[in-house]
PDB file of all heavy atoms in Angstrom:
ATOM      1  N   GLN A   1       0.829  -1.192   0.000  1.00  0.00           N
ATOM      2  CA  GLN A   1       0.000   0.000   0.000  1.00  0.00           C
ATOM      3  C   GLN A   1       0.867   1.247   0.000  1.00  0.00           C
ATOM      4  O   GLN A   1       1.982   1.242   0.529  1.00  0.00           O
ATOM      5  CB  GLN A   1      -0.905   0.041   1.241  1.00  0.00           C
ATOM      6  CG  GLN A   1      -1.930  -1.067   1.331  1.00  0.00           C
ATOM      7  CD  GLN A   1      -2.713  -1.007   2.624  1.00  0.00           C
ATOM      8  OE1 GLN A   1      -2.208  -0.550   3.651  1.00  0.00           O
ATOM      9  NE2 GLN A   1      -3.950  -1.477   2.588  1.00  0.00           N
ATOM     10  N   PHE A   2       0.341   2.317  -0.572  1.00  0.00           N
ATOM     11  CA  PHE A   2       0.945   3.624  -0.389  1.00  0.00           C
ATOM     12  C   PHE A   2      -0.143   4.628  -0.034  1.00  0.00           C
ATOM     13  O   PHE A   2      -1.300   4.474  -0.419  1.00  0.00           O
ATOM     14  CB  PHE A   2       1.796   4.070  -1.590  1.00  0.00           C
ATOM     15  CG  PHE A   2       1.057   4.244  -2.891  1.00  0.00           C
ATOM     16  CD1 PHE A   2       0.721   5.509  -3.352  1.00  0.00           C
ATOM     17  CD2 PHE A   2       0.746   3.147  -3.685  1.00  0.00           C
ATOM     18  CE1 PHE A   2       0.083   5.687  -4.567  1.00  0.00           C
ATOM     19  CE2 PHE A   2       0.100   3.315  -4.903  1.00  0.00           C
ATOM     20  CZ  PHE A   2      -0.232   4.582  -5.341  1.00  0.00           C
ATOM     21  N   THR A   3       0.253   5.661   0.718  1.00  0.00           N
ATOM     22  CA  THR A   3      -0.700   6.535   1.372  1.00  0.00           C
ATOM     23  C   THR A   3      -0.393   8.002   1.080  1.00  0.00           C
ATOM     24  O   THR A   3       0.769   8.416   1.080  1.00  0.00           O
ATOM     25  CB  THR A   3      -0.686   6.312   2.895  1.00  0.00           C
ATOM     26  OG1 THR A   3      -1.074   4.964   3.170  1.00  0.00           O
ATOM     27  CG2 THR A   3      -1.655   7.259   3.591  1.00  0.00           C
ATOM     28  N   LEU A   4      -1.445   8.770   0.839  1.00  0.00           N
ATOM     29  CA  LEU A   4      -1.362  10.216   0.687  1.00  0.00           C
ATOM     30  C   LEU A   4      -1.858  10.883   1.956  1.00  0.00           C
ATOM     31  O   LEU A   4      -2.918  10.525   2.468  1.00  0.00           O
ATOM     32  CB  LEU A   4      -2.210  10.673  -0.498  1.00  0.00           C
ATOM     33  CG  LEU A   4      -2.475  12.181  -0.613  1.00  0.00           C
ATOM     34  CD1 LEU A   4      -1.200  12.923  -0.967  1.00  0.00           C
ATOM     35  CD2 LEU A   4      -3.574  12.454  -1.640  1.00  0.00           C
ATOM     36  N   GLN A   5      -1.100  11.842   2.455  1.00  0.00           N
ATOM     37  CA  GLN A   5      -1.558  12.717   3.516  1.00  0.00           C
ATOM     38  C   GLN A   5      -1.450  14.156   3.036  1.00  0.00           C
ATOM     39  O   GLN A   5      -0.364  14.606   2.660  1.00  0.00           O
ATOM     40  CB  GLN A   5      -0.759  12.519   4.800  1.00  0.00           C
ATOM     41  CG  GLN A   5      -1.043  11.191   5.491  1.00  0.00           C
ATOM     42  CD  GLN A   5      -0.542  11.160   6.912  1.00  0.00           C
ATOM     43  OE1 GLN A   5       0.659  11.318   7.151  1.00  0.00           O
ATOM     44  NE2 GLN A   5      -1.447  10.985   7.858  1.00  0.00           N
ATOM     45  N   LEU A   6      -2.571  14.853   3.028  1.00  0.00           N
ATOM     46  CA  LEU A   6      -2.636  16.239   2.607  1.00  0.00           C
ATOM     47  C   LEU A   6      -3.162  17.048   3.780  1.00  0.00           C
ATOM     48  O   LEU A   6      -4.315  16.877   4.192  1.00  0.00           O
ATOM     49  CB  LEU A   6      -3.535  16.393   1.377  1.00  0.00           C
ATOM     50  CG  LEU A   6      -3.631  17.789   0.757  1.00  0.00           C
ATOM     51  CD1 LEU A   6      -2.269  18.238   0.247  1.00  0.00           C
ATOM     52  CD2 LEU A   6      -4.659  17.794  -0.372  1.00  0.00           C
ATOM     53  N   MET A   7      -2.320  17.921   4.314  1.00  0.00           N
ATOM     54  CA  MET A   7      -2.640  18.663   5.518  1.00  0.00           C
ATOM     55  C   MET A   7      -3.347  19.979   5.206  1.00  0.00           C
ATOM     56  O   MET A   7      -3.268  20.498   4.100  1.00  0.00           O
ATOM     57  CB  MET A   7      -1.364  18.955   6.322  1.00  0.00           C
ATOM     58  CG  MET A   7      -0.738  17.737   6.980  1.00  0.00           C
ATOM     59  SD  MET A   7       0.103  16.629   5.813  1.00  0.00           S
ATOM     60  CE  MET A   7       1.587  17.574   5.475  1.00  0.00           C
ATOM     61  N   SER A   8      -4.026  20.516   6.215  1.00  0.00           N
ATOM     62  CA  SER A   8      -4.657  21.837   6.140  1.00  0.00           C
ATOM     63  C   SER A   8      -5.509  21.993   4.891  1.00  0.00           C
ATOM     64  O   SER A   8      -5.363  22.951   4.134  1.00  0.00           O
ATOM     65  CB  SER A   8      -3.573  22.926   6.200  1.00  0.00           C
ATOM     66  OG  SER A   8      -2.797  22.820   7.374  1.00  0.00           O
ATOM     67  N   VAL A   9      -6.417  21.072   4.682  1.00  0.00           N
ATOM     68  CA  VAL A   9      -7.211  21.086   3.461  1.00  0.00           C
ATOM     69  C   VAL A   9      -8.199  22.249   3.459  1.00  0.00           C
ATOM     70  O   VAL A   9      -8.619  22.747   4.510  1.00  0.00           O
ATOM     71  CB  VAL A   9      -7.956  19.759   3.246  1.00  0.00           C
ATOM     72  CG1 VAL A   9      -6.959  18.618   3.110  1.00  0.00           C
ATOM     73  CG2 VAL A   9      -8.941  19.493   4.380  1.00  0.00           C
ATOM     74  N   THR A  10      -8.544  22.681   2.262  1.00  0.00           N
ATOM     75  CA  THR A  10      -9.544  23.711   2.017  1.00  0.00           C
ATOM     76  C   THR A  10     -10.537  23.181   0.994  1.00  0.00           C
ATOM     77  O   THR A  10     -10.317  22.130   0.380  1.00  0.00           O
ATOM     78  CB  THR A  10      -8.899  24.999   1.490  1.00  0.00           C
ATOM     79  OG1 THR A  10      -8.514  24.819   0.119  1.00  0.00           O
ATOM     80  CG2 THR A  10      -7.669  25.376   2.311  1.00  0.00           C
ATOM     81  N   PRO A  11     -11.651  23.893   0.769  1.00  0.00           N
ATOM     82  CA  PRO A  11     -12.585  23.439  -0.270  1.00  0.00           C
ATOM     83  C   PRO A  11     -11.961  23.289  -1.650  1.00  0.00           C
ATOM     84  O   PRO A  11     -12.488  22.535  -2.477  1.00  0.00           O
ATOM     85  CB  PRO A  11     -13.664  24.532  -0.253  1.00  0.00           C
ATOM     86  CG  PRO A  11     -13.664  25.011   1.156  1.00  0.00           C
ATOM     87  CD  PRO A  11     -12.224  24.985   1.576  1.00  0.00           C
ATOM     88  N   GLU A  12     -10.850  23.982  -1.917  1.00  0.00           N
ATOM     89  CA  GLU A  12     -10.175  23.842  -3.208  1.00  0.00           C
ATOM     90  C   GLU A  12      -9.511  22.482  -3.382  1.00  0.00           C
ATOM     91  O   GLU A  12      -9.093  22.145  -4.491  1.00  0.00           O
ATOM     92  CB  GLU A  12      -9.146  24.955  -3.392  1.00  0.00           C
ATOM     93  CG  GLU A  12      -9.763  26.337  -3.541  1.00  0.00           C
ATOM     94  CD  GLU A  12      -8.754  27.413  -3.861  1.00  0.00           C
ATOM     95  OE1 GLU A  12      -7.534  27.130  -3.822  1.00  0.00           O
ATOM     96  OE2 GLU A  12      -9.172  28.549  -4.160  1.00  0.00           O
ATOM     97  N   ASP A  13      -9.410  21.708  -2.317  1.00  0.00           N
ATOM     98  CA  ASP A  13      -8.886  20.348  -2.400  1.00  0.00           C
ATOM     99  C   ASP A  13      -9.971  19.331  -2.735  1.00  0.00           C
ATOM    100  O   ASP A  13      -9.672  18.142  -2.880  1.00  0.00           O
ATOM    101  CB  ASP A  13      -8.197  19.961  -1.092  1.00  0.00           C
ATOM    102  CG  ASP A  13      -6.950  20.776  -0.826  1.00  0.00           C
ATOM    103  OD1 ASP A  13      -6.110  20.886  -1.743  1.00  0.00           O
ATOM    104  OD2 ASP A  13      -6.810  21.305   0.298  1.00  0.00           O
ATOM    105  N   THR A  14     -11.210  19.769  -2.842  1.00  0.00           N
ATOM    106  CA  THR A  14     -12.289  18.881  -3.267  1.00  0.00           C
ATOM    107  C   THR A  14     -12.007  18.361  -4.671  1.00  0.00           C
ATOM    108  O   THR A  14     -11.741  19.139  -5.589  1.00  0.00           O
ATOM    109  CB  THR A  14     -13.634  19.615  -3.240  1.00  0.00           C
ATOM    110  OG1 THR A  14     -13.975  19.949  -1.892  1.00  0.00           O
ATOM    111  CG2 THR A  14     -14.738  18.750  -3.831  1.00  0.00           C
ATOM    112  N   ALA A  15     -12.053  17.045  -4.844  1.00  0.00           N
ATOM    113  CA  ALA A  15     -11.722  16.443  -6.136  1.00  0.00           C
ATOM    114  C   ALA A  15     -11.982  14.949  -6.080  1.00  0.00           C
ATOM    115  O   ALA A  15     -12.187  14.371  -5.009  1.00  0.00           O
ATOM    116  CB  ALA A  15     -10.251  16.693  -6.492  1.00  0.00           C
ATOM    117  N   VAL A  16     -11.948  14.317  -7.257  1.00  0.00           N
ATOM    118  CA  VAL A  16     -11.839  12.877  -7.338  1.00  0.00           C
ATOM    119  C   VAL A  16     -10.356  12.541  -7.341  1.00  0.00           C
ATOM    120  O   VAL A  16      -9.600  13.055  -8.175  1.00  0.00           O
ATOM    121  CB  VAL A  16     -12.526  12.316  -8.596  1.00  0.00           C
ATOM    122  CG1 VAL A  16     -12.331  10.802  -8.673  1.00  0.00           C
ATOM    123  CG2 VAL A  16     -14.012  12.658  -8.590  1.00  0.00           C
ATOM    124  N   TYR A  17      -9.935  11.707  -6.428  1.00  0.00           N
ATOM    125  CA  TYR A  17      -8.537  11.340  -6.283  1.00  0.00           C
ATOM    126  C   TYR A  17      -8.304   9.937  -6.841  1.00  0.00           C
ATOM    127  O   TYR A  17      -9.051   9.008  -6.538  1.00  0.00           O
ATOM    128  CB  TYR A  17      -8.117  11.381  -4.812  1.00  0.00           C
ATOM    129  CG  TYR A  17      -7.929  12.778  -4.270  1.00  0.00           C
ATOM    130  CD1 TYR A  17      -9.023  13.591  -3.986  1.00  0.00           C
ATOM    131  CD2 TYR A  17      -6.651  13.290  -4.036  1.00  0.00           C
ATOM    132  CE1 TYR A  17      -8.854  14.879  -3.501  1.00  0.00           C
ATOM    133  CE2 TYR A  17      -6.475  14.571  -3.542  1.00  0.00           C
ATOM    134  CZ  TYR A  17      -7.577  15.361  -3.277  1.00  0.00           C
ATOM    135  OH  TYR A  17      -7.395  16.640  -2.787  1.00  0.00           O
ATOM    136  N   PHE A  18      -7.264   9.789  -7.650  1.00  0.00           N
ATOM    137  CA  PHE A  18      -6.894   8.526  -8.255  1.00  0.00           C
ATOM    138  C   PHE A  18      -5.490   8.122  -7.814  1.00  0.00           C
ATOM    139  O   PHE A  18      -4.606   8.971  -7.715  1.00  0.00           O
ATOM    140  CB  PHE A  18      -6.882   8.609  -9.782  1.00  0.00           C
ATOM    141  CG  PHE A  18      -8.183   8.996 -10.417  1.00  0.00           C
ATOM    142  CD1 PHE A  18      -8.508  10.324 -10.623  1.00  0.00           C
ATOM    143  CD2 PHE A  18      -9.076   8.020 -10.840  1.00  0.00           C
ATOM    144  CE1 PHE A  18      -9.695  10.691 -11.224  1.00  0.00           C
ATOM    145  CE2 PHE A  18     -10.271   8.369 -11.445  1.00  0.00           C
ATOM    146  CZ  PHE A  18     -10.579   9.709 -11.629  1.00  0.00           C
ATOM    147  N   CYS A  19      -5.276   6.840  -7.583  1.00  0.00           N
ATOM    148  CA  CYS A  19      -3.920   6.329  -7.513  1.00  0.00           C
ATOM    149  C   CYS A  19      -3.614   5.626  -8.829  1.00  0.00           C
ATOM    150  O   CYS A  19      -4.472   4.947  -9.408  1.00  0.00           O
ATOM    151  CB  CYS A  19      -3.698   5.405  -6.312  1.00  0.00           C
ATOM    152  SG  CYS A  19      -4.785   3.977  -6.134  1.00  0.00           S
ATOM    153  N   VAL A  20      -2.395   5.814  -9.326  1.00  0.00           N
ATOM    154  CA  VAL A  20      -2.022   5.359 -10.666  1.00  0.00           C
ATOM    155  C   VAL A  20      -0.570   4.893 -10.661  1.00  0.00           C
ATOM    156  O   VAL A  20       0.198   5.178  -9.747  1.00  0.00           O
ATOM    157  CB  VAL A  20      -2.212   6.480 -11.717  1.00  0.00           C
ATOM    158  CG1 VAL A  20      -3.678   6.855 -11.846  1.00  0.00           C
ATOM    159  CG2 VAL A  20      -1.384   7.709 -11.356  1.00  0.00           C
ATOM    160  N   ARG A  21      -0.203   4.185 -11.736  1.00  0.00           N
ATOM    161  CA  ARG A  21       1.141   3.633 -11.874  1.00  0.00           C
ATOM    162  C   ARG A  21       1.712   3.954 -13.250  1.00  0.00           C
ATOM    163  O   ARG A  21       0.989   3.953 -14.250  1.00  0.00           O
ATOM    164  CB  ARG A  21       1.119   2.117 -11.698  1.00  0.00           C
ATOM    165  CG  ARG A  21       2.475   1.425 -11.854  1.00  0.00           C
ATOM    166  CD  ARG A  21       2.280  -0.049 -12.188  1.00  0.00           C
ATOM    167  NE  ARG A  21       3.512  -0.826 -12.076  1.00  0.00           N
ATOM    168  CZ  ARG A  21       4.443  -0.897 -13.022  1.00  0.00           C
ATOM    169  NH1 ARG A  21       4.295  -0.229 -14.155  1.00  0.00           N
ATOM    170  NH2 ARG A  21       5.529  -1.639 -12.831  1.00  0.00           N
ATOM    171  N   ASP A  22       3.020   4.220 -13.302  1.00  0.00           N
ATOM    172  CA  ASP A  22       3.727   4.252 -14.562  1.00  0.00           C
ATOM    173  C   ASP A  22       5.104   3.637 -14.353  1.00  0.00           C
ATOM    174  O   ASP A  22       5.561   3.483 -13.220  1.00  0.00           O
ATOM    175  CB  ASP A  22       3.834   5.677 -15.136  1.00  0.00           C
ATOM    176  CG  ASP A  22       4.872   6.530 -14.438  1.00  0.00           C
ATOM    177  OD1 ASP A  22       6.049   6.525 -14.881  1.00  0.00           O
ATOM    178  OD2 ASP A  22       4.531   7.215 -13.453  1.00  0.00           O
ATOM    179  N   SER A  23       5.760   3.271 -15.443  1.00  0.00           N
ATOM    180  CA  SER A  23       7.083   2.646 -15.380  1.00  0.00           C
ATOM    181  C   SER A  23       8.130   3.478 -16.108  1.00  0.00           C
ATOM    182  O   SER A  23       9.219   2.978 -16.407  1.00  0.00           O
ATOM    183  CB  SER A  23       7.031   1.233 -15.964  1.00  0.00           C
ATOM    184  OG  SER A  23       6.584   1.243 -17.308  1.00  0.00           O
ATOM    185  N   LYS A  24       7.815   4.737 -16.383  1.00  0.00           N
ATOM    186  CA  LYS A  24       8.706   5.622 -17.124  1.00  0.00           C
ATOM    187  C   LYS A  24       9.526   6.518 -16.214  1.00  0.00           C
ATOM    188  O   LYS A  24      10.736   6.668 -16.385  1.00  0.00           O
ATOM    189  CB  LYS A  24       7.888   6.474 -18.103  1.00  0.00           C
ATOM    190  CG  LYS A  24       8.705   7.479 -18.890  1.00  0.00           C
ATOM    191  CD  LYS A  24       7.805   8.292 -19.806  1.00  0.00           C
ATOM    192  CE  LYS A  24       8.573   9.354 -20.561  1.00  0.00           C
ATOM    193  NZ  LYS A  24       7.674  10.157 -21.419  1.00  0.00           N
ATOM    194  N   GLY A  25       8.859   7.137 -15.259  1.00  0.00           N
ATOM    195  CA  GLY A  25       9.505   8.093 -14.388  1.00  0.00           C
ATOM    196  C   GLY A  25       9.770   9.406 -15.106  1.00  0.00           C
ATOM    197  O   GLY A  25       9.385   9.600 -16.267  1.00  0.00           O
ATOM    198  N   GLY A  26      10.420  10.322 -14.411  1.00  0.00           N
ATOM    199  CA  GLY A  26      10.745  11.607 -14.983  1.00  0.00           C
ATOM    200  C   GLY A  26      10.865  12.670 -13.916  1.00  0.00           C
ATOM    201  O   GLY A  26      10.695  12.403 -12.723  1.00  0.00           O
ATOM    202  N   TYR A  27      11.156  13.881 -14.373  1.00  0.00           N
ATOM    203  CA  TYR A  27      11.246  15.009 -13.468  1.00  0.00           C
ATOM    204  C   TYR A  27       9.859  15.488 -13.073  1.00  0.00           C
ATOM    205  O   TYR A  27       8.867  15.233 -13.763  1.00  0.00           O
ATOM    206  CB  TYR A  27      12.027  16.150 -14.114  1.00  0.00           C
ATOM    207  CG  TYR A  27      13.480  15.821 -14.368  1.00  0.00           C
ATOM    208  CD1 TYR A  27      13.928  15.504 -15.644  1.00  0.00           C
ATOM    209  CD2 TYR A  27      14.406  15.821 -13.329  1.00  0.00           C
ATOM    210  CE1 TYR A  27      15.256  15.199 -15.883  1.00  0.00           C
ATOM    211  CE2 TYR A  27      15.736  15.516 -13.557  1.00  0.00           C
ATOM    212  CZ  TYR A  27      16.159  15.204 -14.833  1.00  0.00           C
ATOM    213  OH  TYR A  27      17.481  14.903 -15.064  1.00  0.00           O
ATOM    214  N   SER A  28       9.790  16.213 -11.965  1.00  0.00           N
ATOM    215  CA  SER A  28       8.502  16.678 -11.475  1.00  0.00           C
ATOM    216  C   SER A  28       7.783  17.550 -12.498  1.00  0.00           C
ATOM    217  O   SER A  28       6.554  17.493 -12.603  1.00  0.00           O
ATOM    218  CB  SER A  28       8.673  17.428 -10.152  1.00  0.00           C
ATOM    219  OG  SER A  28       9.505  18.559 -10.312  1.00  0.00           O
ATOM    220  N   TRP A  29       8.527  18.342 -13.269  1.00  0.00           N
ATOM    221  CA  TRP A  29       7.868  19.202 -14.246  1.00  0.00           C
ATOM    222  C   TRP A  29       7.240  18.411 -15.388  1.00  0.00           C
ATOM    223  O   TRP A  29       6.285  18.875 -16.000  1.00  0.00           O
ATOM    224  CB  TRP A  29       8.827  20.272 -14.786  1.00  0.00           C
ATOM    225  CG  TRP A  29      10.156  19.772 -15.283  1.00  0.00           C
ATOM    226  CD1 TRP A  29      10.444  19.303 -16.528  1.00  0.00           C
ATOM    227  CD2 TRP A  29      11.380  19.727 -14.536  1.00  0.00           C
ATOM    228  NE1 TRP A  29      11.778  18.962 -16.609  1.00  0.00           N
ATOM    229  CE2 TRP A  29      12.373  19.211 -15.399  1.00  0.00           C
ATOM    230  CE3 TRP A  29      11.726  20.070 -13.225  1.00  0.00           C
ATOM    231  CZ2 TRP A  29      13.695  19.027 -14.991  1.00  0.00           C
ATOM    232  CZ3 TRP A  29      13.041  19.885 -12.820  1.00  0.00           C
ATOM    233  CH2 TRP A  29      14.006  19.380 -13.694  1.00  0.00           C
ATOM    234  N   ASP A  30       7.752  17.225 -15.677  1.00  0.00           N
ATOM    235  CA  ASP A  30       7.107  16.370 -16.661  1.00  0.00           C
ATOM    236  C   ASP A  30       5.754  15.882 -16.149  1.00  0.00           C
ATOM    237  O   ASP A  30       4.774  15.821 -16.897  1.00  0.00           O
ATOM    238  CB  ASP A  30       7.997  15.180 -16.995  1.00  0.00           C
ATOM    239  CG  ASP A  30       9.256  15.576 -17.727  1.00  0.00           C
ATOM    240  OD1 ASP A  30       9.179  16.420 -18.640  1.00  0.00           O
ATOM    241  OD2 ASP A  30      10.331  15.039 -17.402  1.00  0.00           O
ATOM    242  N   TYR A  31       5.703  15.539 -14.875  1.00  0.00           N
ATOM    243  CA  TYR A  31       4.446  15.113 -14.280  1.00  0.00           C
ATOM    244  C   TYR A  31       3.477  16.284 -14.176  1.00  0.00           C
ATOM    245  O   TYR A  31       2.283  16.143 -14.464  1.00  0.00           O
ATOM    246  CB  TYR A  31       4.700  14.503 -12.908  1.00  0.00           C
ATOM    247  CG  TYR A  31       5.233  13.093 -12.979  1.00  0.00           C
ATOM    248  CD1 TYR A  31       6.577  12.839 -13.187  1.00  0.00           C
ATOM    249  CD2 TYR A  31       4.388  12.005 -12.837  1.00  0.00           C
ATOM    250  CE1 TYR A  31       7.069  11.549 -13.266  1.00  0.00           C
ATOM    251  CE2 TYR A  31       4.863  10.704 -12.903  1.00  0.00           C
ATOM    252  CZ  TYR A  31       6.216  10.487 -13.119  1.00  0.00           C
ATOM    253  OH  TYR A  31       6.697   9.191 -13.192  1.00  0.00           O
ATOM    254  N   GLU A  32       3.957  17.442 -13.753  1.00  0.00           N
ATOM    255  CA  GLU A  32       3.095  18.612 -13.610  1.00  0.00           C
ATOM    256  C   GLU A  32       2.510  19.062 -14.940  1.00  0.00           C
ATOM    257  O   GLU A  32       1.389  19.573 -14.984  1.00  0.00           O
ATOM    258  CB  GLU A  32       3.868  19.753 -12.954  1.00  0.00           C
ATOM    259  CG  GLU A  32       4.216  19.483 -11.488  1.00  0.00           C
ATOM    260  CD  GLU A  32       5.090  20.554 -10.873  1.00  0.00           C
ATOM    261  OE1 GLU A  32       5.669  21.367 -11.626  1.00  0.00           O
ATOM    262  OE2 GLU A  32       5.205  20.576  -9.634  1.00  0.00           O
ATOM    263  N   ALA A  33       3.252  18.857 -16.014  1.00  0.00           N
ATOM    264  CA  ALA A  33       2.797  19.247 -17.344  1.00  0.00           C
ATOM    265  C   ALA A  33       1.894  18.212 -17.995  1.00  0.00           C
ATOM    266  O   ALA A  33       1.403  18.443 -19.102  1.00  0.00           O
ATOM    267  CB  ALA A  33       3.990  19.529 -18.245  1.00  0.00           C
ATOM    268  N   GLY A  34       1.689  17.080 -17.347  1.00  0.00           N
ATOM    269  CA  GLY A  34       0.820  16.056 -17.900  1.00  0.00           C
ATOM    270  C   GLY A  34       1.440  15.236 -19.003  1.00  0.00           C
ATOM    271  O   GLY A  34       0.717  14.660 -19.824  1.00  0.00           O
ATOM    272  N   ARG A  35       2.762  15.144 -19.047  1.00  0.00           N
ATOM    273  CA  ARG A  35       3.442  14.392 -20.101  1.00  0.00           C
ATOM    274  C   ARG A  35       3.585  12.911 -19.791  1.00  0.00           C
ATOM    275  O   ARG A  35       4.082  12.158 -20.633  1.00  0.00           O
ATOM    276  CB  ARG A  35       4.819  14.999 -20.363  1.00  0.00           C
ATOM    277  CG  ARG A  35       4.765  16.331 -21.115  1.00  0.00           C
ATOM    278  CD  ARG A  35       6.145  16.767 -21.581  1.00  0.00           C
ATOM    279  NE  ARG A  35       6.890  17.432 -20.517  1.00  0.00           N
ATOM    280  CZ  ARG A  35       6.904  18.737 -20.330  1.00  0.00           C
ATOM    281  NH1 ARG A  35       6.202  19.533 -21.140  1.00  0.00           N
ATOM    282  NH2 ARG A  35       7.610  19.260 -19.344  1.00  0.00           N
ATOM    283  N   ILE A  36       3.154  12.476 -18.619  1.00  0.00           N
ATOM    284  CA  ILE A  36       3.251  11.081 -18.224  1.00  0.00           C
ATOM    285  C   ILE A  36       1.933  10.375 -18.516  1.00  0.00           C
ATOM    286  O   ILE A  36       0.863  10.858 -18.136  1.00  0.00           O
ATOM    287  CB  ILE A  36       3.607  10.932 -16.735  1.00  0.00           C
ATOM    288  CG1 ILE A  36       4.902  11.692 -16.426  1.00  0.00           C
ATOM    289  CG2 ILE A  36       3.720   9.472 -16.351  1.00  0.00           C
ATOM    290  CD1 ILE A  36       6.119  11.163 -17.168  1.00  0.00           C
ATOM    291  N   GLU A  37       2.024   9.236 -19.192  1.00  0.00           N
ATOM    292  CA  GLU A  37       0.849   8.405 -19.427  1.00  0.00           C
ATOM    293  C   GLU A  37       0.876   7.233 -18.462  1.00  0.00           C
ATOM    294  O   GLU A  37       1.810   6.432 -18.469  1.00  0.00           O
ATOM    295  CB  GLU A  37       0.807   7.920 -20.871  1.00  0.00           C
ATOM    296  CG  GLU A  37       0.614   9.038 -21.874  1.00  0.00           C
ATOM    297  CD  GLU A  37       0.368   8.549 -23.277  1.00  0.00           C
ATOM    298  OE1 GLU A  37       0.323   7.315 -23.485  1.00  0.00           O
ATOM    299  OE2 GLU A  37       0.212   9.390 -24.176  1.00  0.00           O
ATOM    300  N   TYR A  38      -0.150   7.142 -17.646  1.00  0.00           N
ATOM    301  CA  TYR A  38      -0.199   6.135 -16.600  1.00  0.00           C
ATOM    302  C   TYR A  38      -0.744   4.819 -17.131  1.00  0.00           C
ATOM    303  O   TYR A  38      -1.717   4.797 -17.890  1.00  0.00           O
ATOM    304  CB  TYR A  38      -1.030   6.639 -15.426  1.00  0.00           C
ATOM    305  CG  TYR A  38      -0.512   7.951 -14.886  1.00  0.00           C
ATOM    306  CD1 TYR A  38      -1.167   9.149 -15.145  1.00  0.00           C
ATOM    307  CD2 TYR A  38       0.657   8.002 -14.136  1.00  0.00           C
ATOM    308  CE1 TYR A  38      -0.676  10.348 -14.670  1.00  0.00           C
ATOM    309  CE2 TYR A  38       1.154   9.197 -13.661  1.00  0.00           C
ATOM    310  CZ  TYR A  38       0.484  10.368 -13.929  1.00  0.00           C
ATOM    311  OH  TYR A  38       0.974  11.564 -13.457  1.00  0.00           O
ATOM    312  N   GLU A  39      -0.120   3.729 -16.722  1.00  0.00           N
ATOM    313  CA  GLU A  39      -0.450   2.409 -17.232  1.00  0.00           C
ATOM    314  C   GLU A  39      -1.591   1.738 -16.484  1.00  0.00           C
ATOM    315  O   GLU A  39      -2.319   0.916 -17.045  1.00  0.00           O
ATOM    316  CB  GLU A  39       0.794   1.516 -17.177  1.00  0.00           C
ATOM    317  CG  GLU A  39       1.969   2.069 -17.971  1.00  0.00           C
ATOM    318  CD  GLU A  39       3.300   1.467 -17.561  1.00  0.00           C
ATOM    319  OE1 GLU A  39       3.338   0.722 -16.567  1.00  0.00           O
ATOM    320  OE2 GLU A  39       4.304   1.755 -18.237  1.00  0.00           O
ATOM    321  N   ARG A  40      -1.742   2.067 -15.226  1.00  0.00           N
ATOM    322  CA  ARG A  40      -2.772   1.475 -14.386  1.00  0.00           C
ATOM    323  C   ARG A  40      -3.431   2.570 -13.564  1.00  0.00           C
ATOM    324  O   ARG A  40      -2.751   3.446 -13.032  1.00  0.00           O
ATOM    325  CB  ARG A  40      -2.177   0.406 -13.459  1.00  0.00           C
ATOM    326  CG  ARG A  40      -1.607  -0.806 -14.177  1.00  0.00           C
ATOM    327  CD  ARG A  40      -2.714  -1.692 -14.695  1.00  0.00           C
ATOM    328  NE  ARG A  40      -2.203  -2.958 -15.186  1.00  0.00           N
ATOM    329  CZ  ARG A  40      -1.774  -3.168 -16.427  1.00  0.00           C
ATOM    330  NH1 ARG A  40      -1.777  -2.183 -17.304  1.00  0.00           N
ATOM    331  NH2 ARG A  40      -1.352  -4.375 -16.786  1.00  0.00           N
TER     332      ARG A  40
END
């Protein structure tokens, strides 16, 4: 298992949350830009 903890939440944190997997990896800016395609 892996776990997310998000502190001091506000209504702007309202969302559908997904856990996903990829086998490519990359820098954080690649993930932030949506360049990663998740396999699961």
